[in-house]
Amino acid sequence: GMNPQETKALMQFIRDIRNRLDLTVLLIEHDMRVVMGIS
């Protein structure tokens, strides 16, 4: 449901919290730009 700008910002946010909080992240996603760009 996000627009391209919101999607891009959320992708960076997920990377940031992974690094800052030492998280492991598993995500379900239909947007291939997100999957291939972040995983």
Full PDB file with SEQRES, HELIX, SHEET, SSBOND, CRYST1, ORIGX, SCALE, CONECT and MASTER records, all heavy atoms in Angstrom:
SEQRES   1 A   39  GLY MET ASN PRO GLN GLU THR LYS ALA LEU MET GLN PHE          
SEQRES   2 A   39  ILE ARG ASP ILE ARG ASN ARG LEU ASP LEU THR VAL LEU          
SEQRES   3 A   39  LEU ILE GLU HIS ASP MET ARG VAL VAL MET GLY ILE SER          
HELIX    1 AA1 PRO A    4  LEU A   21  1                                  18    
HELIX    2 AA2 MET A   32  ILE A   38  1                                   7    
CRYST1    1.000    1.000    1.000  90.00  90.00  90.00 P 1           1          
ORIGX1      1.000000  0.000000  0.000000        0.00000                         
ORIGX2      0.000000  1.000000  0.000000        0.00000                         
ORIGX3      0.000000  0.000000  1.000000        0.00000                         
SCALE1      1.000000  0.000000  0.000000        0.00000                         
SCALE2      0.000000  1.000000  0.000000        0.00000                         
SCALE3      0.000000  0.000000  1.000000        0.00000                         
ATOM      1  N   GLY A   1       0.782  -1.230   0.000  1.00  0.00           N  
ATOM      2  CA  GLY A   1       0.000   0.000   0.000  1.00  0.00           C  
ATOM      3  C   GLY A   1       0.810   1.275   0.000  1.00  0.00           C  
ATOM      4  O   GLY A   1       0.226   2.372   0.026  1.00  0.00           O  
ATOM      5  N   MET A   2       2.120   1.160  -0.020  1.00  0.00           N  
ATOM      6  CA  MET A   2       2.961   2.366   0.021  1.00  0.00           C  
ATOM      7  C   MET A   2       3.278   2.857  -1.384  1.00  0.00           C  
ATOM      8  O   MET A   2       3.356   2.080  -2.333  1.00  0.00           O  
ATOM      9  CB  MET A   2       4.273   2.070   0.760  1.00  0.00           C  
ATOM     10  CG  MET A   2       4.127   1.873   2.239  1.00  0.00           C  
ATOM     11  SD  MET A   2       5.747   1.752   3.050  1.00  0.00           S  
ATOM     12  CE  MET A   2       5.250   1.777   4.767  1.00  0.00           C  
ATOM     13  N   ASN A   3       3.484   4.172  -1.491  1.00  0.00           N  
ATOM     14  CA  ASN A   3       3.932   4.731  -2.756  1.00  0.00           C  
ATOM     15  C   ASN A   3       5.442   4.525  -2.881  1.00  0.00           C  
ATOM     16  O   ASN A   3       6.105   4.114  -1.922  1.00  0.00           O  
ATOM     17  CB  ASN A   3       3.540   6.210  -2.873  1.00  0.00           C  
ATOM     18  CG  ASN A   3       4.181   7.079  -1.802  1.00  0.00           C  
ATOM     19  OD1 ASN A   3       5.360   6.927  -1.485  1.00  0.00           O  
ATOM     20  ND2 ASN A   3       3.415   7.996  -1.241  1.00  0.00           N  
ATOM     21  N   PRO A   4       6.030   4.778  -4.060  1.00  0.00           N  
ATOM     22  CA  PRO A   4       7.463   4.497  -4.262  1.00  0.00           C  
ATOM     23  C   PRO A   4       8.374   5.219  -3.273  1.00  0.00           C  
ATOM     24  O   PRO A   4       9.381   4.653  -2.830  1.00  0.00           O  
ATOM     25  CB  PRO A   4       7.711   4.974  -5.698  1.00  0.00           C  
ATOM     26  CG  PRO A   4       6.400   4.803  -6.380  1.00  0.00           C  
ATOM     27  CD  PRO A   4       5.376   5.142  -5.334  1.00  0.00           C  
ATOM     28  N   GLN A   5       8.046   6.463  -2.918  1.00  0.00           N  
ATOM     29  CA  GLN A   5       8.881   7.206  -1.984  1.00  0.00           C  
ATOM     30  C   GLN A   5       8.825   6.581  -0.591  1.00  0.00           C  
ATOM     31  O   GLN A   5       9.856   6.424   0.083  1.00  0.00           O  
ATOM     32  CB  GLN A   5       8.436   8.670  -1.923  1.00  0.00           C  
ATOM     33  CG  GLN A   5       8.688   9.476  -3.187  1.00  0.00           C  
ATOM     34  CD  GLN A   5       7.723   9.123  -4.331  1.00  0.00           C  
ATOM     35  OE1 GLN A   5       6.596   8.697  -4.091  1.00  0.00           O  
ATOM     36  NE2 GLN A   5       8.188   9.301  -5.558  1.00  0.00           N  
ATOM     37  N   GLU A   6       7.621   6.201  -0.150  1.00  0.00           N  
ATOM     38  CA  GLU A   6       7.470   5.556   1.156  1.00  0.00           C  
ATOM     39  C   GLU A   6       8.184   4.205   1.171  1.00  0.00           C  
ATOM     40  O   GLU A   6       8.817   3.837   2.164  1.00  0.00           O  
ATOM     41  CB  GLU A   6       5.986   5.373   1.477  1.00  0.00           C  
ATOM     42  CG  GLU A   6       5.231   6.657   1.766  1.00  0.00           C  
ATOM     43  CD  GLU A   6       3.740   6.435   1.901  1.00  0.00           C  
ATOM     44  OE1 GLU A   6       3.201   5.527   1.221  1.00  0.00           O  
ATOM     45  OE2 GLU A   6       3.101   7.178   2.658  1.00  0.00           O  
ATOM     46  N   THR A   7       8.087   3.481   0.053  1.00  0.00           N  
ATOM     47  CA  THR A   7       8.745   2.174  -0.041  1.00  0.00           C  
ATOM     48  C   THR A   7      10.253   2.305   0.076  1.00  0.00           C  
ATOM     49  O   THR A   7      10.902   1.563   0.826  1.00  0.00           O  
ATOM     50  CB  THR A   7       8.380   1.493  -1.374  1.00  0.00           C  
ATOM     51  OG1 THR A   7       6.971   1.225  -1.393  1.00  0.00           O  
ATOM     52  CG2 THR A   7       9.145   0.189  -1.539  1.00  0.00           C  
ATOM     53  N   LYS A   8      10.824   3.263  -0.645  1.00  0.00           N  
ATOM     54  CA  LYS A   8      12.270   3.473  -0.593  1.00  0.00           C  
ATOM     55  C   LYS A   8      12.721   3.841   0.812  1.00  0.00           C  
ATOM     56  O   LYS A   8      13.735   3.343   1.310  1.00  0.00           O  
ATOM     57  CB  LYS A   8      12.662   4.574  -1.586  1.00  0.00           C  
ATOM     58  CG  LYS A   8      14.161   4.793  -1.684  1.00  0.00           C  
ATOM     59  CD  LYS A   8      14.490   5.843  -2.745  1.00  0.00           C  
ATOM     60  CE  LYS A   8      15.994   6.074  -2.847  1.00  0.00           C  
ATOM     61  NZ  LYS A   8      16.320   7.091  -3.885  1.00  0.00           N  
ATOM     62  N   ALA A   9      11.948   4.711   1.471  1.00  0.00           N  
ATOM     63  CA  ALA A   9      12.299   5.127   2.833  1.00  0.00           C  
ATOM     64  C   ALA A   9      12.215   3.948   3.799  1.00  0.00           C  
ATOM     65  O   ALA A   9      13.063   3.806   4.693  1.00  0.00           O  
ATOM     66  CB  ALA A   9      11.376   6.259   3.282  1.00  0.00           C  
ATOM     67  N   LEU A  10      11.213   3.095   3.632  1.00  0.00           N  
ATOM     68  CA  LEU A  10      11.068   1.956   4.538  1.00  0.00           C  
ATOM     69  C   LEU A  10      12.182   0.938   4.327  1.00  0.00           C  
ATOM     70  O   LEU A  10      12.674   0.334   5.288  1.00  0.00           O  
ATOM     71  CB  LEU A  10       9.704   1.290   4.365  1.00  0.00           C  
ATOM     72  CG  LEU A  10       9.393   0.229   5.430  1.00  0.00           C  
ATOM     73  CD1 LEU A  10       9.249   0.880   6.802  1.00  0.00           C  
ATOM     74  CD2 LEU A  10       8.140  -0.553   5.094  1.00  0.00           C  
ATOM     75  N   MET A  11      12.613   0.749   3.092  1.00  0.00           N  
ATOM     76  CA  MET A  11      13.734  -0.154   2.833  1.00  0.00           C  
ATOM     77  C   MET A  11      14.981   0.308   3.577  1.00  0.00           C  
ATOM     78  O   MET A  11      15.676  -0.502   4.218  1.00  0.00           O  
ATOM     79  CB  MET A  11      14.017  -0.221   1.335  1.00  0.00           C  
ATOM     80  CG  MET A  11      12.978  -0.989   0.533  1.00  0.00           C  
ATOM     81  SD  MET A  11      13.252  -0.856  -1.265  1.00  0.00           S  
ATOM     82  CE  MET A  11      14.840  -1.683  -1.438  1.00  0.00           C  
ATOM     83  N   GLN A  12      15.265   1.587   3.518  1.00  0.00           N  
ATOM     84  CA  GLN A  12      16.434   2.110   4.225  1.00  0.00           C  
ATOM     85  C   GLN A  12      16.253   1.982   5.724  1.00  0.00           C  
ATOM     86  O   GLN A  12      17.197   1.660   6.456  1.00  0.00           O  
ATOM     87  CB  GLN A  12      16.677   3.573   3.846  1.00  0.00           C  
ATOM     88  CG  GLN A  12      17.957   4.150   4.447  1.00  0.00           C  
ATOM     89  CD  GLN A  12      19.188   3.369   4.050  1.00  0.00           C  
ATOM     90  OE1 GLN A  12      19.432   3.129   2.852  1.00  0.00           O  
ATOM     91  NE2 GLN A  12      19.986   2.950   5.027  1.00  0.00           N  
ATOM     92  N   PHE A  13      15.021   2.193   6.176  1.00  0.00           N  
ATOM     93  CA  PHE A  13      14.721   2.062   7.604  1.00  0.00           C  
ATOM     94  C   PHE A  13      14.974   0.641   8.095  1.00  0.00           C  
ATOM     95  O   PHE A  13      15.543   0.425   9.169  1.00  0.00           O  
ATOM     96  CB  PHE A  13      13.267   2.470   7.854  1.00  0.00           C  
ATOM     97  CG  PHE A  13      12.759   2.126   9.217  1.00  0.00           C  
ATOM     98  CD1 PHE A  13      13.249   2.779  10.342  1.00  0.00           C  
ATOM     99  CD2 PHE A  13      11.796   1.148   9.390  1.00  0.00           C  
ATOM    100  CE1 PHE A  13      12.778   2.459  11.611  1.00  0.00           C  
ATOM    101  CE2 PHE A  13      11.323   0.824  10.648  1.00  0.00           C  
ATOM    102  CZ  PHE A  13      11.820   1.481  11.759  1.00  0.00           C  
ATOM    103  N   ILE A  14      14.567  -0.357   7.302  1.00  0.00           N  
ATOM    104  CA  ILE A  14      14.784  -1.749   7.691  1.00  0.00           C  
ATOM    105  C   ILE A  14      16.276  -2.052   7.789  1.00  0.00           C  
ATOM    106  O   ILE A  14      16.726  -2.720   8.725  1.00  0.00           O  
ATOM    107  CB  ILE A  14      14.079  -2.699   6.699  1.00  0.00           C  
ATOM    108  CG1 ILE A  14      12.560  -2.560   6.834  1.00  0.00           C  
ATOM    109  CG2 ILE A  14      14.490  -4.153   6.957  1.00  0.00           C  
ATOM    110  CD1 ILE A  14      11.783  -3.291   5.752  1.00  0.00           C  
ATOM    111  N   ARG A  15      17.046  -1.555   6.828  1.00  0.00           N  
ATOM    112  CA  ARG A  15      18.506  -1.736   6.909  1.00  0.00           C  
ATOM    113  C   ARG A  15      19.059  -1.085   8.174  1.00  0.00           C  
ATOM    114  O   ARG A  15      19.920  -1.652   8.859  1.00  0.00           O  
ATOM    115  CB  ARG A  15      19.177  -1.112   5.686  1.00  0.00           C  
ATOM    116  CG  ARG A  15      18.908  -1.796   4.367  1.00  0.00           C  
ATOM    117  CD  ARG A  15      19.804  -1.215   3.293  1.00  0.00           C  
ATOM    118  NE  ARG A  15      19.419  -1.623   1.950  1.00  0.00           N  
ATOM    119  CZ  ARG A  15      18.662  -0.905   1.130  1.00  0.00           C  
ATOM    120  NH1 ARG A  15      18.232   0.294   1.508  1.00  0.00           N  
ATOM    121  NH2 ARG A  15      18.359  -1.356  -0.065  1.00  0.00           N  
ATOM    122  N   ASP A  16      18.576   0.112   8.462  1.00  0.00           N  
ATOM    123  CA  ASP A  16      19.090   0.856   9.622  1.00  0.00           C  
ATOM    124  C   ASP A  16      18.811   0.132  10.930  1.00  0.00           C  
ATOM    125  O   ASP A  16      19.701   0.003  11.784  1.00  0.00           O  
ATOM    126  CB  ASP A  16      18.485   2.259   9.665  1.00  0.00           C  
ATOM    127  CG  ASP A  16      19.017   3.163   8.570  1.00  0.00           C  
ATOM    128  OD1 ASP A  16      20.052   2.815   7.969  1.00  0.00           O  
ATOM    129  OD2 ASP A  16      18.393   4.210   8.307  1.00  0.00           O  
ATOM    130  N   ILE A  17      17.571  -0.352  11.109  1.00  0.00           N  
ATOM    131  CA  ILE A  17      17.261  -1.008  12.384  1.00  0.00           C  
ATOM    132  C   ILE A  17      17.973  -2.355  12.472  1.00  0.00           C  
ATOM    133  O   ILE A  17      18.342  -2.788  13.564  1.00  0.00           O  
ATOM    134  CB  ILE A  17      15.746  -1.166  12.619  1.00  0.00           C  
ATOM    135  CG1 ILE A  17      15.081  -2.023  11.530  1.00  0.00           C  
ATOM    136  CG2 ILE A  17      15.072   0.194  12.735  1.00  0.00           C  
ATOM    137  CD1 ILE A  17      13.632  -2.360  11.836  1.00  0.00           C  
ATOM    138  N   ARG A  18      18.178  -3.038  11.335  1.00  0.00           N  
ATOM    139  CA  ARG A  18      18.969  -4.276  11.358  1.00  0.00           C  
ATOM    140  C   ARG A  18      20.362  -4.003  11.907  1.00  0.00           C  
ATOM    141  O   ARG A  18      20.867  -4.732  12.775  1.00  0.00           O  
ATOM    142  CB  ARG A  18      19.037  -4.854   9.953  1.00  0.00           C  
ATOM    143  CG  ARG A  18      19.743  -6.226   9.838  1.00  0.00           C  
ATOM    144  CD  ARG A  18      21.255  -6.134   9.657  1.00  0.00           C  
ATOM    145  NE  ARG A  18      21.629  -5.436   8.455  1.00  0.00           N  
ATOM    146  CZ  ARG A  18      21.852  -6.050   7.278  1.00  0.00           C  
ATOM    147  NH1 ARG A  18      21.722  -7.343   7.160  1.00  0.00           N  
ATOM    148  NH2 ARG A  18      22.220  -5.315   6.229  1.00  0.00           N  
ATOM    149  N   ASN A  19      20.979  -2.921  11.424  1.00  0.00           N  
ATOM    150  CA  ASN A  19      22.340  -2.604  11.836  1.00  0.00           C  
ATOM    151  C   ASN A  19      22.401  -2.058  13.257  1.00  0.00           C  
ATOM    152  O   ASN A  19      23.265  -2.455  14.049  1.00  0.00           O  
ATOM    153  CB  ASN A  19      22.952  -1.599  10.865  1.00  0.00           C  
ATOM    154  CG  ASN A  19      23.128  -2.172   9.471  1.00  0.00           C  
ATOM    155  OD1 ASN A  19      23.230  -3.381   9.298  1.00  0.00           O  
ATOM    156  ND2 ASN A  19      23.132  -1.306   8.471  1.00  0.00           N  
ATOM    157  N   ARG A  20      21.494  -1.175  13.600  1.00  0.00           N  
ATOM    158  CA  ARG A  20      21.537  -0.528  14.910  1.00  0.00           C  
ATOM    159  C   ARG A  20      21.134  -1.455  16.040  1.00  0.00           C  
ATOM    160  O   ARG A  20      21.659  -1.360  17.153  1.00  0.00           O  
ATOM    161  CB  ARG A  20      20.633   0.716  14.918  1.00  0.00           C  
ATOM    162  CG  ARG A  20      21.121   1.832  13.999  1.00  0.00           C  
ATOM    163  CD  ARG A  20      20.209   3.039  14.059  1.00  0.00           C  
ATOM    164  NE  ARG A  20      20.149   3.628  15.399  1.00  0.00           N  
ATOM    165  CZ  ARG A  20      19.452   4.717  15.682  1.00  0.00           C  
ATOM    166  NH1 ARG A  20      18.760   5.338  14.726  1.00  0.00           N  
ATOM    167  NH2 ARG A  20      19.440   5.208  16.907  1.00  0.00           N  
ATOM    168  N   LEU A  21      20.198  -2.361  15.776  1.00  0.00           N  
ATOM    169  CA  LEU A  21      19.682  -3.235  16.827  1.00  0.00           C  
ATOM    170  C   LEU A  21      20.201  -4.667  16.722  1.00  0.00           C  
ATOM    171  O   LEU A  21      19.794  -5.519  17.506  1.00  0.00           O  
ATOM    172  CB  LEU A  21      18.145  -3.237  16.781  1.00  0.00           C  
ATOM    173  CG  LEU A  21      17.472  -1.875  16.938  1.00  0.00           C  
ATOM    174  CD1 LEU A  21      15.956  -2.023  16.845  1.00  0.00           C  
ATOM    175  CD2 LEU A  21      17.862  -1.213  18.270  1.00  0.00           C  
ATOM    176  N   ASP A  22      21.092  -4.921  15.748  1.00  0.00           N  
ATOM    177  CA  ASP A  22      21.655  -6.259  15.558  1.00  0.00           C  
ATOM    178  C   ASP A  22      20.545  -7.291  15.365  1.00  0.00           C  
ATOM    179  O   ASP A  22      20.521  -8.345  15.998  1.00  0.00           O  
ATOM    180  CB  ASP A  22      22.537  -6.641  16.745  1.00  0.00           C  
ATOM    181  CG  ASP A  22      23.406  -7.861  16.441  1.00  0.00           C  
ATOM    182  OD1 ASP A  22      23.656  -8.131  15.249  1.00  0.00           O  
ATOM    183  OD2 ASP A  22      23.820  -8.546  17.402  1.00  0.00           O  
ATOM    184  N   LEU A  23      19.618  -6.975  14.466  1.00  0.00           N  
ATOM    185  CA  LEU A  23      18.478  -7.840  14.212  1.00  0.00           C  
ATOM    186  C   LEU A  23      18.745  -8.790  13.055  1.00  0.00           C  
ATOM    187  O   LEU A  23      19.579  -8.528  12.189  1.00  0.00           O  
ATOM    188  CB  LEU A  23      17.251  -6.999  13.836  1.00  0.00           C  
ATOM    189  CG  LEU A  23      16.553  -6.190  14.922  1.00  0.00           C  
ATOM    190  CD1 LEU A  23      15.489  -5.305  14.278  1.00  0.00           C  
ATOM    191  CD2 LEU A  23      15.927  -7.110  15.958  1.00  0.00           C  
ATOM    192  N   THR A  24      18.012  -9.885  13.050  1.00  0.00           N  
ATOM    193  CA  THR A  24      17.843 -10.703  11.864  1.00  0.00           C  
ATOM    194  C   THR A  24      16.419 -10.449  11.381  1.00  0.00           C  
ATOM    195  O   THR A  24      15.489 -10.407  12.193  1.00  0.00           O  
ATOM    196  CB  THR A  24      18.044 -12.189  12.179  1.00  0.00           C  
ATOM    197  OG1 THR A  24      19.349 -12.377  12.717  1.00  0.00           O  
ATOM    198  CG2 THR A  24      17.868 -13.047  10.936  1.00  0.00           C  
ATOM    199  N   VAL A  25      16.247 -10.256  10.079  1.00  0.00           N  
ATOM    200  CA  VAL A  25      14.934  -9.894   9.535  1.00  0.00           C  
ATOM    201  C   VAL A  25      14.522 -10.899   8.471  1.00  0.00           C  
ATOM    202  O   VAL A  25      15.301 -11.220   7.572  1.00  0.00           O  
ATOM    203  CB  VAL A  25      14.952  -8.473   8.919  1.00  0.00           C  
ATOM    204  CG1 VAL A  25      13.580  -8.119   8.337  1.00  0.00           C  
ATOM    205  CG2 VAL A  25      15.374  -7.442   9.956  1.00  0.00           C  
ATOM    206  N   LEU A  26      13.309 -11.407   8.593  1.00  0.00           N  
ATOM    207  CA  LEU A  26      12.700 -12.240   7.558  1.00  0.00           C  
ATOM    208  C   LEU A  26      11.447 -11.534   7.094  1.00  0.00           C  
ATOM    209  O   LEU A  26      10.559 -11.240   7.906  1.00  0.00           O  
ATOM    210  CB  LEU A  26      12.362 -13.633   8.100  1.00  0.00           C  
ATOM    211  CG  LEU A  26      11.626 -14.575   7.142  1.00  0.00           C  
ATOM    212  CD1 LEU A  26      12.474 -14.877   5.905  1.00  0.00           C  
ATOM    213  CD2 LEU A  26      11.239 -15.878   7.850  1.00  0.00           C  
ATOM    214  N   LEU A  27      11.370 -11.229   5.800  1.00  0.00           N  
ATOM    215  CA  LEU A  27      10.217 -10.479   5.312  1.00  0.00           C  
ATOM    216  C   LEU A  27       9.536 -11.166   4.151  1.00  0.00           C  
ATOM    217  O   LEU A  27      10.184 -11.735   3.271  1.00  0.00           O  
ATOM    218  CB  LEU A  27      10.609  -9.051   4.938  1.00  0.00           C  
ATOM    219  CG  LEU A  27      11.629  -8.791   3.836  1.00  0.00           C  
ATOM    220  CD1 LEU A  27      10.932  -8.602   2.497  1.00  0.00           C  
ATOM    221  CD2 LEU A  27      12.458  -7.564   4.159  1.00  0.00           C  
ATOM    222  N   ILE A  28       8.206 -11.147   4.193  1.00  0.00           N  
ATOM    223  CA  ILE A  28       7.378 -11.541   3.064  1.00  0.00           C  
ATOM    224  C   ILE A  28       7.122 -10.290   2.251  1.00  0.00           C  
ATOM    225  O   ILE A  28       6.753  -9.247   2.802  1.00  0.00           O  
ATOM    226  CB  ILE A  28       6.032 -12.129   3.534  1.00  0.00           C  
ATOM    227  CG1 ILE A  28       6.239 -13.439   4.303  1.00  0.00           C  
ATOM    228  CG2 ILE A  28       5.099 -12.349   2.348  1.00  0.00           C  
ATOM    229  CD1 ILE A  28       4.965 -13.960   4.949  1.00  0.00           C  
ATOM    230  N   GLU A  29       7.313 -10.388   0.961  1.00  0.00           N  
ATOM    231  CA  GLU A  29       7.129  -9.182   0.141  1.00  0.00           C  
ATOM    232  C   GLU A  29       6.814  -9.583  -1.296  1.00  0.00           C  
ATOM    233  O   GLU A  29       7.438 -10.496  -1.835  1.00  0.00           O  
ATOM    234  CB  GLU A  29       8.407  -8.323   0.203  1.00  0.00           C  
ATOM    235  CG  GLU A  29       8.309  -6.973  -0.423  1.00  0.00           C  
ATOM    236  CD  GLU A  29       7.127  -6.168   0.044  1.00  0.00           C  
ATOM    237  OE1 GLU A  29       7.132  -5.684   1.184  1.00  0.00           O  
ATOM    238  OE2 GLU A  29       6.190  -6.034  -0.763  1.00  0.00           O  
ATOM    239  N   HIS A  30       5.833  -8.914  -1.895  1.00  0.00           N  
ATOM    240  CA  HIS A  30       5.486  -9.165  -3.290  1.00  0.00           C  
ATOM    241  C   HIS A  30       6.200  -8.213  -4.241  1.00  0.00           C  
ATOM    242  O   HIS A  30       6.273  -8.487  -5.442  1.00  0.00           O  
ATOM    243  CB  HIS A  30       3.968  -9.047  -3.487  1.00  0.00           C  
ATOM    244  CG  HIS A  30       3.210 -10.225  -2.966  1.00  0.00           C  
ATOM    245  ND1 HIS A  30       3.299 -11.486  -3.534  1.00  0.00           N  
ATOM    246  CD2 HIS A  30       2.353 -10.359  -1.924  1.00  0.00           C  
ATOM    247  CE1 HIS A  30       2.516 -12.327  -2.875  1.00  0.00           C  
ATOM    248  NE2 HIS A  30       1.935 -11.663  -1.891  1.00  0.00           N  
ATOM    249  N   ASP A  31       6.691  -7.102  -3.723  1.00  0.00           N  
ATOM    250  CA  ASP A  31       7.387  -6.127  -4.564  1.00  0.00           C  
ATOM    251  C   ASP A  31       8.817  -6.609  -4.781  1.00  0.00           C  
ATOM    252  O   ASP A  31       9.646  -6.582  -3.876  1.00  0.00           O  
ATOM    253  CB  ASP A  31       7.375  -4.758  -3.882  1.00  0.00           C  
ATOM    254  CG  ASP A  31       7.901  -3.645  -4.777  1.00  0.00           C  
ATOM    255  OD1 ASP A  31       8.728  -3.925  -5.669  1.00  0.00           O  
ATOM    256  OD2 ASP A  31       7.508  -2.482  -4.572  1.00  0.00           O  
ATOM    257  N   MET A  32       9.116  -7.057  -5.989  1.00  0.00           N  
ATOM    258  CA  MET A  32      10.426  -7.615  -6.274  1.00  0.00           C  
ATOM    259  C   MET A  32      11.544  -6.581  -6.148  1.00  0.00           C  
ATOM    260  O   MET A  32      12.694  -6.919  -5.869  1.00  0.00           O  
ATOM    261  CB  MET A  32      10.460  -8.221  -7.673  1.00  0.00           C  
ATOM    262  CG  MET A  32       9.646  -9.486  -7.813  1.00  0.00           C  
ATOM    263  SD  MET A  32      10.201 -10.791  -6.682  1.00  0.00           S  
ATOM    264  CE  MET A  32       8.703 -11.066  -5.748  1.00  0.00           C  
ATOM    265  N   ARG A  33      11.220  -5.320  -6.349  1.00  0.00           N  
ATOM    266  CA  ARG A  33      12.233  -4.280  -6.174  1.00  0.00           C  
ATOM    267  C   ARG A  33      12.696  -4.242  -4.728  1.00  0.00           C  
ATOM    268  O   ARG A  33      13.873  -4.030  -4.441  1.00  0.00           O  
ATOM    269  CB  ARG A  33      11.661  -2.922  -6.583  1.00  0.00           C  
ATOM    270  CG  ARG A  33      11.401  -2.782  -8.076  1.00  0.00           C  
ATOM    271  CD  ARG A  33      10.562  -1.572  -8.383  1.00  0.00           C  
ATOM    272  NE  ARG A  33       9.236  -1.676  -7.779  1.00  0.00           N  
ATOM    273  CZ  ARG A  33       8.264  -0.793  -7.945  1.00  0.00           C  
ATOM    274  NH1 ARG A  33       8.468   0.278  -8.683  1.00  0.00           N  
ATOM    275  NH2 ARG A  33       7.079  -0.974  -7.378  1.00  0.00           N  
ATOM    276  N   VAL A  34      11.771  -4.457  -3.804  1.00  0.00           N  
ATOM    277  CA  VAL A  34      12.126  -4.486  -2.389  1.00  0.00           C  
ATOM    278  C   VAL A  34      12.942  -5.729  -2.074  1.00  0.00           C  
ATOM    279  O   VAL A  34      14.018  -5.655  -1.468  1.00  0.00           O  
ATOM    280  CB  VAL A  34      10.856  -4.433  -1.507  1.00  0.00           C  
ATOM    281  CG1 VAL A  34      11.220  -4.604  -0.033  1.00  0.00           C  
ATOM    282  CG2 VAL A  34      10.103  -3.125  -1.725  1.00  0.00           C  
ATOM    283  N   VAL A  35      12.431  -6.893  -2.492  1.00  0.00           N  
ATOM    284  CA  VAL A  35      13.096  -8.161  -2.182  1.00  0.00           C  
ATOM    285  C   VAL A  35      14.521  -8.188  -2.714  1.00  0.00           C  
ATOM    286  O   VAL A  35      15.475  -8.495  -1.992  1.00  0.00           O  
ATOM    287  CB  VAL A  35      12.291  -9.345  -2.762  1.00  0.00           C  
ATOM    288  CG1 VAL A  35      13.061 -10.651  -2.573  1.00  0.00           C  
ATOM    289  CG2 VAL A  35      10.932  -9.435  -2.100  1.00  0.00           C  
ATOM    290  N   MET A  36      14.669  -7.842  -3.991  1.00  0.00           N  
ATOM    291  CA  MET A  36      15.985  -7.932  -4.605  1.00  0.00           C  
ATOM    292  C   MET A  36      16.910  -6.803  -4.162  1.00  0.00           C  
ATOM    293  O   MET A  36      18.130  -6.939  -4.202  1.00  0.00           O  
ATOM    294  CB  MET A  36      15.851  -7.926  -6.136  1.00  0.00           C  
ATOM    295  CG  MET A  36      15.031  -9.082  -6.679  1.00  0.00           C  
ATOM    296  SD  MET A  36      15.693 -10.703  -6.188  1.00  0.00           S  
ATOM    297  CE  MET A  36      14.389 -11.794  -6.778  1.00  0.00           C  
ATOM    298  N   GLY A  37      16.326  -5.711  -3.699  1.00  0.00           N  
ATOM    299  CA  GLY A  37      17.141  -4.576  -3.295  1.00  0.00           C  
ATOM    300  C   GLY A  37      17.616  -4.606  -1.864  1.00  0.00           C  
ATOM    301  O   GLY A  37      18.596  -3.941  -1.519  1.00  0.00           O  
ATOM    302  N   ILE A  38      16.953  -5.410  -1.032  1.00  0.00           N  
ATOM    303  CA  ILE A  38      17.268  -5.351   0.399  1.00  0.00           C  
ATOM    304  C   ILE A  38      17.774  -6.671   0.960  1.00  0.00           C  
ATOM    305  O   ILE A  38      18.446  -6.699   1.994  1.00  0.00           O  
ATOM    306  CB  ILE A  38      16.019  -4.887   1.194  1.00  0.00           C  
ATOM    307  CG1 ILE A  38      16.407  -4.405   2.587  1.00  0.00           C  
ATOM    308  CG2 ILE A  38      14.980  -6.001   1.276  1.00  0.00           C  
ATOM    309  CD1 ILE A  38      15.256  -3.804   3.362  1.00  0.00           C  
ATOM    310  N   SER A  39      17.486  -7.783   0.298  1.00  0.00           N  
ATOM    311  CA  SER A  39      17.733  -9.103   0.898  1.00  0.00           C  
ATOM    312  C   SER A  39      19.167  -9.585   0.701  1.00  0.00           C  
ATOM    313  O   SER A  39      19.765  -9.389  -0.357  1.00  0.00           O  
ATOM    314  CB  SER A  39      16.782 -10.145   0.293  1.00  0.00           C  
ATOM    315  OG  SER A  39      15.432  -9.794   0.489  1.00  0.00           O  
TER     316      SER A  39                                                      
MASTER        0    0    0    2    0    0    0    6  315    1    0    3          
END                                                                             
